[in-house]
Amino acid sequence: MQIDEFYRYFKFIVGGGISLLIALGITYALTEIIGLWHMLSFGIALLIEIIFLFFYHSVVTFKKRGKFWLFMSVILFISNLNWILVYITTVFWQWNYLASIVLVALMVSVLNYLINKTLVFRK
């Protein structure tokens, strides 16, 4: 991987980290304070993340306006994969929901970057 590509991936991960903190905060607040089911709370958080991530990646990571509807499709795919894996790890494997969110996000980040780089924000 070239140094520029590594730096871009690093910015991508930073944006993902910020969005993960947003998702964790929203999920925690909706679950622990409002009393919603953690999977519904996480679903709401993912929708808010999508909007944040598109603007972040357009401005910071790739420095170009991406194709929003394609981005939505990619993120919905990634988010569904994310949601399903969090569901499996929390409901079937009984992991803590916050730890599951973090671990699953790390697992899908590389796939997410590659799809966004090649389809949504390509030159």
Protein backbone atom coordinates (compact mmCIF):
# COMPACT_ATOMS: atom_id res chain seq x y z
CA MET A 1 0.00 0.00 0.00
CA GLN A 2 1.40 3.40 -0.95
CA ILE A 3 1.89 6.01 1.74
CA ASP A 4 -0.87 8.22 0.28
CA GLU A 5 -3.24 5.28 0.26
CA PHE A 6 -2.33 4.40 3.83
CA TYR A 7 -2.93 8.01 4.90
CA ARG A 8 -6.32 8.03 3.15
CA TYR A 9 -7.26 4.75 4.85
CA PHE A 10 -6.15 6.26 8.17
CA LYS A 11 -8.49 9.23 7.59
CA PHE A 12 -11.22 6.77 6.65
CA ILE A 13 -10.68 4.89 9.93
CA VAL A 14 -10.67 8.15 11.93
CA GLY A 15 -14.03 9.05 10.39
CA GLY A 16 -15.26 5.58 11.16
CA GLY A 17 -14.02 5.97 14.73
CA ILE A 18 -15.85 9.26 15.14
CA SER A 19 -19.02 7.77 13.68
CA LEU A 20 -18.60 4.74 15.94
CA LEU A 21 -18.46 7.04 18.98
CA ILE A 22 -21.58 8.79 17.72
CA ALA A 23 -23.32 5.42 17.26
CA LEU A 24 -22.25 4.19 20.68
CA GLY A 25 -23.46 7.39 22.34
CA ILE A 26 -26.80 7.34 20.58
CA THR A 27 -27.26 3.61 21.14
CA TYR A 28 -26.38 3.91 24.82
CA ALA A 29 -28.63 6.93 25.35
CA LEU A 30 -31.61 5.41 23.59
CA THR A 31 -31.14 2.05 25.32
CA GLU A 32 -30.17 3.01 28.85
CA ILE A 33 -31.90 6.37 29.25
CA ILE A 34 -34.97 6.09 27.01
CA GLY A 35 -35.38 2.32 27.41
CA LEU A 36 -35.53 1.21 23.78
CA TRP A 37 -34.42 -2.28 22.74
CA HIS A 38 -30.69 -2.11 22.00
CA MET A 39 -31.12 -3.30 18.40
CA LEU A 40 -33.71 -0.59 17.64
CA SER A 41 -31.43 1.99 19.26
CA PHE A 42 -28.52 0.75 17.17
CA GLY A 43 -30.62 0.92 13.99
CA ILE A 44 -31.47 4.57 14.68
CA ALA A 45 -27.80 5.31 15.38
CA LEU A 46 -26.78 3.72 12.07
CA LEU A 47 -29.12 6.02 10.14
CA ILE A 48 -27.54 9.08 11.75
CA GLU A 49 -24.08 7.65 11.03
CA ILE A 50 -24.83 7.39 7.30
CA ILE A 51 -25.38 11.12 6.97
CA PHE A 52 -22.30 11.99 9.01
CA LEU A 53 -20.08 9.56 7.09
CA PHE A 54 -21.07 10.78 3.64
CA PHE A 55 -20.13 14.35 4.49
CA TYR A 56 -16.96 13.31 6.32
CA HIS A 57 -15.71 11.12 3.47
CA SER A 58 -16.63 13.73 0.87
CA VAL A 59 -14.75 16.49 2.66
CA VAL A 60 -11.96 14.75 4.60
CA THR A 61 -11.17 11.27 3.30
CA PHE A 62 -11.59 11.43 -0.46
CA LYS A 63 -11.89 15.22 -0.91
CA LYS A 64 -14.47 14.86 -3.63
CA ARG A 65 -18.20 14.71 -3.79
CA GLY A 66 -19.26 11.12 -3.92
CA LYS A 67 -22.37 9.63 -5.40
CA PHE A 68 -24.79 9.94 -2.48
CA TRP A 69 -27.28 7.29 -3.58
CA LEU A 70 -24.54 4.80 -4.33
CA PHE A 71 -22.99 5.67 -0.96
CA MET A 72 -26.39 5.04 0.64
CA SER A 73 -26.56 1.63 -1.04
CA VAL A 74 -23.05 0.69 0.08
CA ILE A 75 -23.60 1.94 3.62
CA LEU A 76 -26.97 0.22 3.85
CA PHE A 77 -25.29 -3.02 2.79
CA ILE A 78 -22.48 -2.50 5.30
CA SER A 79 -24.94 -1.37 7.99
CA ASN A 80 -27.14 -4.41 7.43
CA LEU A 81 -24.10 -6.64 7.63
CA ASN A 82 -23.05 -4.74 10.75
CA TRP A 83 -26.55 -5.02 12.28
CA ILE A 84 -26.79 -8.76 11.55
CA LEU A 85 -23.35 -9.46 13.02
CA VAL A 86 -24.14 -7.40 16.14
CA TYR A 87 -27.44 -9.28 16.46
CA ILE A 88 -25.68 -12.64 16.22
CA THR A 89 -22.98 -11.69 18.72
CA THR A 90 -25.40 -10.20 21.26
CA VAL A 91 -28.47 -12.44 20.98
CA PHE A 92 -26.93 -15.81 20.18
CA TRP A 93 -23.46 -15.46 21.69
CA GLN A 94 -24.55 -13.20 24.59
CA TRP A 95 -21.73 -10.68 24.14
CA ASN A 96 -22.06 -7.18 25.58
CA TYR A 97 -23.80 -5.03 22.97
CA LEU A 98 -21.28 -2.16 23.14
CA ALA A 99 -18.30 -4.50 22.74
CA SER A 100 -20.07 -6.23 19.85
CA ILE A 101 -20.62 -2.94 18.05
CA VAL A 102 -16.92 -2.08 18.31
CA LEU A 103 -15.64 -5.50 17.22
CA VAL A 104 -18.02 -5.79 14.28
CA ALA A 105 -17.15 -2.25 13.12
CA LEU A 106 -13.48 -3.16 13.04
CA MET A 107 -14.21 -6.30 11.03
CA VAL A 108 -16.20 -4.58 8.29
CA SER A 109 -14.07 -1.41 8.00
CA VAL A 110 -11.71 -2.78 5.36
CA LEU A 111 -14.55 -4.00 3.15
CA ASN A 112 -16.30 -0.66 3.61
CA TYR A 113 -13.18 1.30 2.59
CA LEU A 114 -12.54 -0.77 -0.52
CA ILE A 115 -16.10 -0.52 -1.77
CA ASN A 116 -16.27 3.24 -1.14
CA LYS A 117 -12.89 3.84 -2.77
CA THR A 118 -13.67 1.85 -5.91
CA LEU A 119 -17.34 2.69 -6.40
CA VAL A 120 -18.50 5.81 -4.58
CA PHE A 121 -15.50 8.15 -4.54
CA ARG A 122 -13.53 6.88 -7.53
CA LYS A 123 -11.64 9.23 -9.79
